[in-house]
Amino acid sequence: MSALYVVATPIGNLEDITIRALKVMREADFIACEDTRKTRILTSKYHIKTRLIPYHEYNKKSAADAIAGGIMKGRDYVLVSEAGTPLISDPGSYLVRLCIEKGIKVVPIPGPSSVLAAISASGLNTSEFTFIGFLPKKEGKRKKVLAKLKDEKRVFILFEPGRSVEKLLADINEIMGSVKICYAKELTKIYEFIETKDVKTITEEIKNRPELTKGELTVIVDPSPIAETNQELS
């Protein structure tokens, strides 16, 4: 039976691709990509000749119709995001929903994820967590979301571009106080940086080291007062 294969790809280090992912990408008829230029770097490295087609936020409806139609005619399609596991803060959910509605088989091929990578190295209590992704860009809306998260009992995970992370940290400190955060930058890449400290300390550090604000960031926030989190370790 033909299917849509949802394939996780590396978030930085190209050697993090799985053997199964490579096999599926080679054997499929098409690979639908959020960014064909980035995916071509991966396919070129591993000599994958499968045709790449664009699937992104701006063409997702027409592209999804074409992909679903192709699968129903007996072709296999792979869906990849710009990096990491598809459907986490990317447009892939529209295509997957459409396939499910049409009775098309959807097969997950698990692998790299910036969320799980950051969690595994954070040292925070992540037995339960809430994934938020990107906060609203407008300051007022962003602060409203953070105010609601202040009473969250679980750690929560944010994505943030480096160019605006200082504003995010300032808002967290203003609304929640000096809580602990894990600041994970450029995961698996050459300039990877992962640090878990109180938000004030990390804010001062990145002011003195502007290179720490470059690239994509995963920020894990523990909204519990620091005294409580330290008590758990004693």
Foldseek 3Di string as FASTA:
>chain_A
DAAEEFAAQAPADRVQHDPVRVVLQQPFQEEEECDVVLVVVNCVVVVRPHHYDYDFDVCPVVVLVVVLVVRVVPGHYYYYYSHGGPPQPTDCVVSVVVCVVVVGHYHYHHTGDPVVVLVVPAPAPVPDEAEDEAFDPDPVRRLVVLLVCLPPQHKYKYKDQLVCVLVVLVSNCVRQNFFWKWKWFSPPHPPTDTDIDTSVVVSVVCVVVVVSSHHMIMMITRSDPPVVRVVVVD
